[in-house]
Amino acid sequence: MTNYTIKSKILNRDVVFSIPGESYIYVDLAGDEPGSLGWQICEGGRLLGDTIMYSGEDEAEFAKVCRNWLRSYLRNRK
């Protein structure tokens, strides 16, 4: 499983992204139950909609996808 963690000052917690073997990216925004993958990330910083998939092996590209999604999420949340 590939993981990437962002320390969010705005949310005041770690935001953990993971790919558990397939190409779907999950995000744990609230420190969900241990063992929980959280939500699948979707286009536009959303948690519902067109799912973002990642099948590459480049960790830098994975990190970029995660950072961009989190920026959009923070910009769009209410």
N, C-alpha and C. Protein backbone atom coordinates (compact mmCIF):
# COMPACT_ATOMS: atom_id res chain seq x y z
N MET A 1 0.85 -1.18 0.00
CA MET A 1 0.00 0.00 0.00
C MET A 1 0.89 1.23 0.00
N THR A 2 0.55 2.19 -0.83
CA THR A 2 1.26 3.46 -0.91
C THR A 2 0.52 4.48 -0.08
N ASN A 3 1.25 5.21 0.77
CA ASN A 3 0.65 6.26 1.61
C ASN A 3 1.37 7.58 1.39
N TYR A 4 0.65 8.65 1.61
CA TYR A 4 1.22 10.00 1.57
C TYR A 4 0.49 10.82 2.62
N THR A 5 1.24 11.50 3.50
CA THR A 5 0.65 12.27 4.59
C THR A 5 0.95 13.75 4.41
N ILE A 6 -0.08 14.57 4.58
CA ILE A 6 0.06 16.02 4.56
C ILE A 6 -0.35 16.54 5.93
N LYS A 7 0.50 17.34 6.55
CA LYS A 7 0.16 17.97 7.82
C LYS A 7 -0.59 19.27 7.50
N SER A 8 -1.90 19.24 7.67
CA SER A 8 -2.73 20.39 7.33
C SER A 8 -2.87 21.33 8.52
N LYS A 9 -2.38 22.54 8.34
CA LYS A 9 -2.54 23.55 9.38
C LYS A 9 -3.99 24.03 9.45
N ILE A 10 -4.66 24.06 8.30
CA ILE A 10 -6.05 24.53 8.26
C ILE A 10 -6.97 23.56 9.00
N LEU A 11 -6.78 22.25 8.77
CA LEU A 11 -7.60 21.25 9.45
C LEU A 11 -7.05 20.88 10.82
N ASN A 12 -5.83 21.30 11.10
CA ASN A 12 -5.16 21.04 12.38
C ASN A 12 -5.00 19.53 12.64
N ARG A 13 -4.64 18.79 11.58
CA ARG A 13 -4.40 17.35 11.72
C ARG A 13 -3.71 16.83 10.47
N ASP A 14 -3.23 15.61 10.56
CA ASP A 14 -2.66 14.94 9.40
C ASP A 14 -3.77 14.45 8.49
N VAL A 15 -3.55 14.58 7.19
CA VAL A 15 -4.46 14.06 6.18
C VAL A 15 -3.68 12.96 5.46
N VAL A 16 -4.18 11.74 5.54
CA VAL A 16 -3.45 10.60 4.99
C VAL A 16 -4.15 10.08 3.74
N PHE A 17 -3.39 10.02 2.65
CA PHE A 17 -3.86 9.47 1.38
C PHE A 17 -3.25 8.08 1.22
N SER A 18 -4.01 7.17 0.64
CA SER A 18 -3.49 5.82 0.44
C SER A 18 -4.05 5.20 -0.83
N ILE A 19 -3.25 4.30 -1.39
CA ILE A 19 -3.68 3.46 -2.50
C ILE A 19 -3.47 2.03 -2.02
N PRO A 20 -4.56 1.34 -1.67
CA PRO A 20 -4.44 0.01 -1.06
C PRO A 20 -4.33 -1.13 -2.07
N GLY A 21 -3.49 -0.98 -3.06
CA GLY A 21 -3.28 -2.09 -3.99
C GLY A 21 -3.95 -1.91 -5.32
N GLU A 22 -5.09 -1.24 -5.36
CA GLU A 22 -5.70 -0.96 -6.66
C GLU A 22 -5.41 0.49 -7.01
N SER A 23 -6.10 1.05 -7.93
CA SER A 23 -5.77 2.39 -8.40
C SER A 23 -6.62 3.50 -7.79
N TYR A 24 -7.52 3.16 -6.88
CA TYR A 24 -8.32 4.20 -6.23
C TYR A 24 -7.53 4.84 -5.11
N ILE A 25 -7.65 6.16 -5.01
CA ILE A 25 -6.97 6.90 -3.94
C ILE A 25 -7.99 7.19 -2.85
N TYR A 26 -7.63 6.86 -1.63
CA TYR A 26 -8.48 7.11 -0.47
C TYR A 26 -7.85 8.19 0.40
N VAL A 27 -8.69 8.94 1.12
CA VAL A 27 -8.20 9.96 2.03
C VAL A 27 -8.88 9.77 3.39
N ASP A 28 -8.07 9.87 4.42
CA ASP A 28 -8.57 9.84 5.80
C ASP A 28 -8.48 11.27 6.31
N LEU A 29 -9.60 11.96 6.35
CA LEU A 29 -9.63 13.38 6.73
C LEU A 29 -9.82 13.59 8.23
N ALA A 30 -10.36 12.61 8.91
CA ALA A 30 -10.73 12.84 10.30
C ALA A 30 -10.14 11.82 11.26
N GLY A 31 -9.10 11.10 10.85
CA GLY A 31 -8.55 10.09 11.73
C GLY A 31 -9.57 9.01 12.00
N ASP A 32 -10.21 8.53 10.93
CA ASP A 32 -11.27 7.52 11.05
C ASP A 32 -10.79 6.30 11.83
N GLU A 33 -11.68 5.37 12.01
CA GLU A 33 -11.38 4.15 12.74
C GLU A 33 -10.09 3.50 12.23
N PRO A 34 -9.27 2.97 13.11
CA PRO A 34 -8.06 2.27 12.65
C PRO A 34 -8.44 1.17 11.66
N GLY A 35 -7.69 1.10 10.57
CA GLY A 35 -7.97 0.11 9.54
C GLY A 35 -8.92 0.61 8.47
N SER A 36 -9.57 1.74 8.71
CA SER A 36 -10.48 2.33 7.72
C SER A 36 -9.65 3.09 6.69
N LEU A 37 -10.02 2.98 5.44
CA LEU A 37 -9.31 3.69 4.38
C LEU A 37 -9.82 5.12 4.21
N GLY A 38 -10.98 5.41 4.74
CA GLY A 38 -11.55 6.74 4.57
C GLY A 38 -12.39 6.81 3.31
N TRP A 39 -12.34 7.95 2.64
CA TRP A 39 -13.15 8.23 1.45
C TRP A 39 -12.32 8.11 0.19
N GLN A 40 -12.97 7.72 -0.92
CA GLN A 40 -12.31 7.81 -2.23
C GLN A 40 -12.34 9.26 -2.66
N ILE A 41 -11.21 9.75 -3.17
CA ILE A 41 -11.19 11.14 -3.61
C ILE A 41 -11.77 11.26 -5.01
N CYS A 42 -12.43 12.39 -5.26
CA CYS A 42 -13.09 12.63 -6.55
C CYS A 42 -12.65 13.98 -7.11
N GLU A 43 -12.93 14.16 -8.39
CA GLU A 43 -12.55 15.40 -9.09
C GLU A 43 -13.07 16.63 -8.34
N GLY A 44 -12.31 17.71 -8.43
CA GLY A 44 -12.74 18.99 -7.88
C GLY A 44 -12.67 19.09 -6.37
N GLY A 45 -11.88 18.22 -5.73
CA GLY A 45 -11.76 18.28 -4.28
C GLY A 45 -12.98 17.75 -3.56
N ARG A 46 -13.71 16.91 -4.21
CA ARG A 46 -14.95 16.37 -3.63
C ARG A 46 -14.76 14.94 -3.16
N LEU A 47 -15.75 14.47 -2.39
CA LEU A 47 -15.75 13.09 -1.88
C LEU A 47 -16.78 12.23 -2.61
N LEU A 48 -17.60 12.85 -3.43
CA LEU A 48 -18.58 12.14 -4.25
C LEU A 48 -18.47 12.67 -5.67
N GLY A 49 -18.59 11.78 -6.62
CA GLY A 49 -18.53 12.21 -8.02
C GLY A 49 -17.60 11.33 -8.83
N ASP A 50 -16.88 11.94 -9.77
CA ASP A 50 -15.95 11.22 -10.63
C ASP A 50 -14.67 10.90 -9.85
N THR A 51 -14.47 9.62 -9.57
CA THR A 51 -13.36 9.16 -8.75
C THR A 51 -12.02 9.40 -9.45
N ILE A 52 -11.05 9.87 -8.69
CA ILE A 52 -9.69 10.03 -9.21
C ILE A 52 -8.97 8.70 -9.01
N MET A 53 -8.38 8.22 -10.10
CA MET A 53 -7.64 6.97 -10.04
C MET A 53 -6.19 7.26 -10.37
N TYR A 54 -5.29 6.47 -9.81
CA TYR A 54 -3.88 6.65 -10.07
C TYR A 54 -3.24 5.28 -10.19
N SER A 55 -2.61 5.03 -11.31
CA SER A 55 -2.02 3.71 -11.53
C SER A 55 -0.51 3.76 -11.72
N GLY A 56 0.06 4.93 -11.56
CA GLY A 56 1.51 5.08 -11.77
C GLY A 56 2.33 4.60 -10.59
N GLU A 57 3.61 4.55 -10.80
CA GLU A 57 4.56 4.14 -9.76
C GLU A 57 5.36 5.32 -9.24
N ASP A 58 5.17 6.50 -9.80
CA ASP A 58 5.95 7.67 -9.44
C ASP A 58 5.38 8.31 -8.18
N GLU A 59 6.13 8.22 -7.08
CA GLU A 59 5.64 8.75 -5.80
C GLU A 59 5.51 10.27 -5.83
N ALA A 60 6.36 10.95 -6.58
CA ALA A 60 6.27 12.40 -6.68
C ALA A 60 4.97 12.80 -7.37
N GLU A 61 4.57 12.06 -8.39
CA GLU A 61 3.32 12.36 -9.09
C GLU A 61 2.12 12.06 -8.18
N PHE A 62 2.18 10.98 -7.42
CA PHE A 62 1.13 10.65 -6.45
C PHE A 62 0.98 11.78 -5.44
N ALA A 63 2.11 12.26 -4.91
CA ALA A 63 2.08 13.37 -3.94
C ALA A 63 1.45 14.61 -4.56
N LYS A 64 1.76 14.89 -5.82
CA LYS A 64 1.20 16.05 -6.51
C LYS A 64 -0.32 15.93 -6.63
N VAL A 65 -0.80 14.74 -7.00
CA VAL A 65 -2.25 14.51 -7.11
C VAL A 65 -2.91 14.76 -5.75
N CYS A 66 -2.29 14.26 -4.69
CA CYS A 66 -2.84 14.42 -3.33
C CYS A 66 -2.87 15.88 -2.90
N ARG A 67 -1.77 16.59 -3.11
CA ARG A 67 -1.71 18.01 -2.74
C ARG A 67 -2.74 18.83 -3.50
N ASN A 68 -2.87 18.59 -4.80
CA ASN A 68 -3.84 19.33 -5.61
C ASN A 68 -5.26 19.05 -5.15
N TRP A 69 -5.56 17.77 -4.84
CA TRP A 69 -6.90 17.43 -4.38
C TRP A 69 -7.19 18.14 -3.05
N LEU A 70 -6.24 18.12 -2.12
CA LEU A 70 -6.47 18.74 -0.82
C LEU A 70 -6.67 20.25 -0.96
N ARG A 71 -5.91 20.90 -1.83
CA ARG A 71 -6.12 22.34 -2.07
C ARG A 71 -7.54 22.60 -2.55
N SER A 72 -7.99 21.80 -3.50
CA SER A 72 -9.36 21.97 -4.01
C SER A 72 -10.39 21.68 -2.93
N TYR A 73 -10.17 20.66 -2.14
CA TYR A 73 -11.09 20.30 -1.05
C TYR A 73 -11.21 21.47 -0.07
N LEU A 74 -10.08 22.03 0.34
CA LEU A 74 -10.10 23.12 1.32
C LEU A 74 -10.76 24.37 0.73
N ARG A 75 -10.56 24.60 -0.54
CA ARG A 75 -11.15 25.77 -1.20
C ARG A 75 -12.67 25.61 -1.32
N ASN A 76 -13.16 24.38 -1.52
CA ASN A 76 -14.59 24.13 -1.76
C ASN A 76 -15.41 23.79 -0.52
N ARG A 77 -14.74 23.49 0.59
CA ARG A 77 -15.53 23.06 1.77
C ARG A 77 -16.28 24.22 2.38
N LYS A 78 -17.37 23.89 3.03
CA LYS A 78 -18.20 24.94 3.65
C LYS A 78 -18.39 24.67 5.10
